[in-house]
Amino acid sequence: MTTLYFLYSKKKDIYYVGETHNLGLRLFQHNKHTFSKGFTKAADDWEVVLTFQHSSRTTVLKLERFIKKMKSKVFIQKLIQNPELIDKLILDKKL
């Protein structure tokens, strides 16, 4: 299983969307700035606000790309409030 995850930083009031096979490790890496040139280096208080698991990594990667292309905090908040929309996205967008 692959996990699509949504992180939130209270300090910066920003969201991040990513994909992983090991969420605990990935969250630790984001908060410890393992990815020194990455987007998440902006904060050190990332917390998981939503996860979505799927058997297809390809589907999760396409979904991640689609969400990031939207460049919309409101869209991400809508997905967090209504996680069932993620399944609808996969079907509607044929991800």
N, C-alpha and C. Protein backbone atom coordinates (compact mmCIF):
# COMPACT_ATOMS: atom_id res chain seq x y z
N MET A 1 0.83 -1.20 0.00
CA MET A 1 0.00 0.00 0.00
C MET A 1 0.87 1.25 0.00
N THR A 2 0.39 2.22 -0.71
CA THR A 2 1.03 3.53 -0.77
C THR A 2 0.12 4.54 -0.10
N THR A 3 0.71 5.49 0.58
CA THR A 3 -0.07 6.49 1.30
C THR A 3 0.11 7.88 0.71
N LEU A 4 -1.01 8.51 0.41
CA LEU A 4 -1.02 9.93 0.09
C LEU A 4 -1.26 10.62 1.42
N TYR A 5 -0.45 11.62 1.74
CA TYR A 5 -0.60 12.27 3.04
C TYR A 5 -0.66 13.77 2.89
N PHE A 6 -1.39 14.38 3.81
CA PHE A 6 -1.54 15.83 3.86
C PHE A 6 -0.97 16.29 5.18
N LEU A 7 -0.02 17.22 5.13
CA LEU A 7 0.58 17.78 6.32
C LEU A 7 0.13 19.23 6.47
N TYR A 8 0.14 19.69 7.72
CA TYR A 8 -0.21 21.08 8.00
C TYR A 8 0.77 21.65 9.02
N SER A 9 1.20 22.88 8.79
CA SER A 9 2.05 23.61 9.72
C SER A 9 1.24 24.77 10.30
N LYS A 10 1.03 24.74 11.60
CA LYS A 10 0.31 25.84 12.27
C LYS A 10 1.13 27.13 12.22
N LYS A 11 2.45 27.00 12.41
CA LYS A 11 3.31 28.19 12.42
C LYS A 11 3.21 28.98 11.11
N LYS A 12 3.23 28.26 10.00
CA LYS A 12 3.22 28.90 8.68
C LYS A 12 1.84 28.94 8.04
N ASP A 13 0.88 28.21 8.62
CA ASP A 13 -0.47 28.10 8.07
C ASP A 13 -0.43 27.65 6.60
N ILE A 14 0.32 26.56 6.37
CA ILE A 14 0.43 26.00 5.01
C ILE A 14 0.25 24.49 5.05
N TYR A 15 -0.10 23.97 3.89
CA TYR A 15 -0.30 22.52 3.72
C TYR A 15 0.77 21.97 2.79
N TYR A 16 1.00 20.68 2.92
CA TYR A 16 1.90 19.96 2.02
C TYR A 16 1.26 18.62 1.72
N VAL A 17 1.37 18.18 0.48
CA VAL A 17 0.83 16.89 0.05
C VAL A 17 1.99 16.05 -0.47
N GLY A 18 2.06 14.79 -0.04
CA GLY A 18 3.13 13.91 -0.49
C GLY A 18 2.68 12.46 -0.54
N GLU A 19 3.60 11.60 -0.93
CA GLU A 19 3.35 10.17 -1.08
C GLU A 19 4.48 9.40 -0.42
N THR A 20 4.14 8.29 0.24
CA THR A 20 5.18 7.50 0.91
C THR A 20 4.68 6.09 1.18
N HIS A 21 5.64 5.22 1.49
CA HIS A 21 5.33 3.87 1.97
C HIS A 21 5.51 3.79 3.49
N ASN A 22 6.16 4.81 4.07
CA ASN A 22 6.43 4.81 5.51
C ASN A 22 6.15 6.20 6.07
N LEU A 23 4.92 6.42 6.50
CA LEU A 23 4.49 7.75 6.92
C LEU A 23 5.24 8.26 8.15
N GLY A 24 5.47 7.39 9.12
CA GLY A 24 6.18 7.81 10.33
C GLY A 24 7.56 8.36 10.02
N LEU A 25 8.30 7.63 9.20
CA LEU A 25 9.64 8.06 8.81
C LEU A 25 9.57 9.36 8.01
N ARG A 26 8.64 9.43 7.08
CA ARG A 26 8.55 10.62 6.23
C ARG A 26 8.21 11.86 7.04
N LEU A 27 7.30 11.75 7.99
CA LEU A 27 6.96 12.88 8.84
C LEU A 27 8.18 13.34 9.64
N PHE A 28 8.92 12.38 10.19
CA PHE A 28 10.15 12.69 10.92
C PHE A 28 11.13 13.44 10.00
N GLN A 29 11.29 12.96 8.76
CA GLN A 29 12.20 13.60 7.82
C GLN A 29 11.78 15.04 7.51
N HIS A 30 10.48 15.26 7.33
CA HIS A 30 10.00 16.62 7.05
C HIS A 30 10.28 17.55 8.23
N ASN A 31 10.02 17.09 9.43
CA ASN A 31 10.20 17.95 10.61
C ASN A 31 11.66 18.17 10.96
N LYS A 32 12.54 17.27 10.54
CA LYS A 32 13.99 17.42 10.80
C LYS A 32 14.74 18.00 9.62
N HIS A 33 14.00 18.41 8.58
CA HIS A 33 14.58 19.08 7.41
C HIS A 33 15.58 18.20 6.67
N THR A 34 15.29 16.92 6.57
CA THR A 34 16.14 16.01 5.81
C THR A 34 16.23 16.44 4.36
N PHE A 35 15.15 17.02 3.86
CA PHE A 35 15.11 17.49 2.47
C PHE A 35 15.42 18.99 2.49
N SER A 36 16.70 19.32 2.51
CA SER A 36 17.13 20.70 2.77
C SER A 36 16.67 21.70 1.71
N LYS A 37 16.38 21.25 0.52
CA LYS A 37 15.92 22.16 -0.52
C LYS A 37 14.42 22.00 -0.78
N GLY A 38 13.76 21.20 0.03
CA GLY A 38 12.35 20.93 -0.17
C GLY A 38 11.43 21.99 0.39
N PHE A 39 10.19 21.94 -0.03
CA PHE A 39 9.16 22.88 0.41
C PHE A 39 8.97 22.84 1.92
N THR A 40 9.08 21.66 2.51
CA THR A 40 8.76 21.51 3.94
C THR A 40 9.83 22.04 4.87
N LYS A 41 10.94 22.50 4.32
CA LYS A 41 11.98 23.09 5.19
C LYS A 41 11.51 24.40 5.81
N ALA A 42 10.40 24.93 5.30
CA ALA A 42 9.86 26.20 5.79
C ALA A 42 9.33 26.10 7.22
N ALA A 43 9.07 24.88 7.71
CA ALA A 43 8.50 24.73 9.04
C ALA A 43 9.06 23.47 9.70
N ASP A 44 8.87 23.39 11.01
CA ASP A 44 9.33 22.19 11.73
C ASP A 44 8.23 21.64 12.64
N ASP A 45 7.00 22.06 12.36
CA ASP A 45 5.88 21.61 13.18
C ASP A 45 4.81 20.89 12.34
N TRP A 46 5.25 20.20 11.31
CA TRP A 46 4.31 19.50 10.42
C TRP A 46 3.55 18.42 11.19
N GLU A 47 2.26 18.37 10.93
CA GLU A 47 1.44 17.31 11.51
C GLU A 47 0.56 16.73 10.41
N VAL A 48 0.29 15.45 10.51
CA VAL A 48 -0.55 14.76 9.53
C VAL A 48 -2.00 15.13 9.80
N VAL A 49 -2.69 15.61 8.76
CA VAL A 49 -4.10 15.96 8.92
C VAL A 49 -5.02 15.04 8.12
N LEU A 50 -4.46 14.29 7.16
CA LEU A 50 -5.26 13.33 6.39
C LEU A 50 -4.33 12.35 5.70
N THR A 51 -4.74 11.10 5.66
CA THR A 51 -4.03 10.10 4.88
C THR A 51 -5.04 9.36 4.01
N PHE A 52 -4.55 8.85 2.89
CA PHE A 52 -5.36 8.07 1.97
C PHE A 52 -4.48 6.95 1.46
N GLN A 53 -4.88 5.71 1.67
CA GLN A 53 -4.09 4.57 1.21
C GLN A 53 -4.70 3.95 -0.04
N HIS A 54 -3.82 3.50 -0.91
CA HIS A 54 -4.27 2.88 -2.16
C HIS A 54 -3.24 1.83 -2.56
N SER A 55 -3.70 0.81 -3.24
CA SER A 55 -2.80 -0.28 -3.64
C SER A 55 -1.90 0.10 -4.81
N SER A 56 -2.29 1.10 -5.59
CA SER A 56 -1.53 1.50 -6.77
C SER A 56 -0.72 2.76 -6.51
N ARG A 57 0.59 2.62 -6.53
CA ARG A 57 1.46 3.80 -6.35
C ARG A 57 1.28 4.77 -7.51
N THR A 58 1.08 4.25 -8.70
CA THR A 58 0.87 5.10 -9.88
C THR A 58 -0.35 6.00 -9.68
N THR A 59 -1.43 5.44 -9.18
CA THR A 59 -2.64 6.22 -8.94
C THR A 59 -2.38 7.30 -7.90
N VAL A 60 -1.69 6.94 -6.83
CA VAL A 60 -1.40 7.91 -5.77
C VAL A 60 -0.50 9.03 -6.29
N LEU A 61 0.48 8.70 -7.10
CA LEU A 61 1.36 9.73 -7.65
C LEU A 61 0.60 10.67 -8.59
N LYS A 62 -0.30 10.12 -9.41
CA LYS A 62 -1.11 10.97 -10.28
C LYS A 62 -2.02 11.87 -9.47
N LEU A 63 -2.59 11.33 -8.42
CA LEU A 63 -3.45 12.10 -7.53
C LEU A 63 -2.66 13.22 -6.86
N GLU A 64 -1.48 12.89 -6.37
CA GLU A 64 -0.61 13.90 -5.74
C GLU A 64 -0.31 15.03 -6.72
N ARG A 65 0.07 14.68 -7.95
CA ARG A 65 0.38 15.69 -8.97
C ARG A 65 -0.84 16.57 -9.26
N PHE A 66 -2.01 15.93 -9.38
CA PHE A 66 -3.23 16.68 -9.65
C PHE A 66 -3.51 17.70 -8.54
N ILE A 67 -3.41 17.26 -7.30
CA ILE A 67 -3.68 18.14 -6.16
C ILE A 67 -2.67 19.29 -6.12
N LYS A 68 -1.40 18.99 -6.36
CA LYS A 68 -0.38 20.04 -6.35
C LYS A 68 -0.57 21.03 -7.49
N LYS A 69 -1.02 20.55 -8.66
CA LYS A 69 -1.26 21.44 -9.79
C LYS A 69 -2.40 22.41 -9.52
N MET A 70 -3.31 22.03 -8.66
CA MET A 70 -4.43 22.90 -8.32
C MET A 70 -3.93 24.15 -7.59
N LYS A 71 -2.82 24.04 -6.87
CA LYS A 71 -2.22 25.17 -6.13
C LYS A 71 -3.28 25.92 -5.33
N SER A 72 -4.08 25.16 -4.61
CA SER A 72 -5.20 25.77 -3.90
C SER A 72 -5.31 25.26 -2.47
N LYS A 73 -5.12 26.14 -1.54
CA LYS A 73 -5.29 25.82 -0.12
C LYS A 73 -6.74 25.44 0.15
N VAL A 74 -7.67 26.15 -0.49
CA VAL A 74 -9.10 25.88 -0.32
C VAL A 74 -9.44 24.47 -0.81
N PHE A 75 -8.87 24.07 -1.94
CA PHE A 75 -9.11 22.74 -2.48
C PHE A 75 -8.60 21.67 -1.50
N ILE A 76 -7.42 21.87 -0.98
CA ILE A 76 -6.85 20.92 -0.01
C ILE A 76 -7.72 20.86 1.24
N GLN A 77 -8.17 22.00 1.73
CA GLN A 77 -9.03 22.02 2.91
C GLN A 77 -10.35 21.28 2.64
N LYS A 78 -10.86 21.42 1.42
CA LYS A 78 -12.10 20.73 1.04
C LYS A 78 -11.88 19.21 1.07
N LEU A 79 -10.73 18.75 0.58
CA LEU A 79 -10.42 17.31 0.61
C LEU A 79 -10.27 16.82 2.04
N ILE A 80 -9.67 17.62 2.90
CA ILE A 80 -9.49 17.23 4.30
C ILE A 80 -10.85 17.12 4.99
N GLN A 81 -11.73 18.05 4.70
CA GLN A 81 -13.06 18.03 5.31
C GLN A 81 -13.96 16.94 4.74
N ASN A 82 -13.70 16.55 3.49
CA ASN A 82 -14.52 15.54 2.80
C ASN A 82 -13.62 14.52 2.11
N PRO A 83 -12.98 13.63 2.88
CA PRO A 83 -12.03 12.68 2.29
C PRO A 83 -12.63 11.79 1.20
N GLU A 84 -13.95 11.61 1.22
CA GLU A 84 -14.58 10.78 0.18
C GLU A 84 -14.42 11.39 -1.21
N LEU A 85 -14.11 12.68 -1.28
CA LEU A 85 -13.87 13.33 -2.56
C LEU A 85 -12.63 12.77 -3.26
N ILE A 86 -11.72 12.20 -2.51
CA ILE A 86 -10.50 11.64 -3.11
C ILE A 86 -10.87 10.46 -4.01
N ASP A 87 -11.76 9.58 -3.53
CA ASP A 87 -12.22 8.47 -4.38
C ASP A 87 -12.92 8.99 -5.62
N LYS A 88 -13.71 10.02 -5.45
CA LYS A 88 -14.43 10.62 -6.59
C LYS A 88 -13.43 11.19 -7.60
N LEU A 89 -12.37 11.83 -7.13
CA LEU A 89 -11.34 12.36 -8.02
C LEU A 89 -10.71 11.24 -8.85
N ILE A 90 -10.40 10.13 -8.18
CA ILE A 90 -9.77 9.01 -8.88
C ILE A 90 -10.67 8.52 -10.00
N LEU A 91 -11.97 8.40 -9.73
CA LEU A 91 -12.91 7.93 -10.73
C LEU A 91 -13.13 8.97 -11.83
N ASP A 92 -13.38 10.21 -11.45
CA ASP A 92 -13.69 11.26 -12.42
C ASP A 92 -12.51 11.60 -13.33
N LYS A 93 -11.34 11.64 -12.76
CA LYS A 93 -10.14 12.01 -13.52
C LYS A 93 -9.44 10.80 -14.13
N LYS A 94 -9.98 9.62 -13.85
CA LYS A 94 -9.41 8.35 -14.35
C LYS A 94 -7.93 8.23 -13.98
N LEU A 95 -7.64 8.48 -12.71
CA LEU A 95 -6.26 8.43 -12.22
C LEU A 95 -5.89 7.03 -11.97
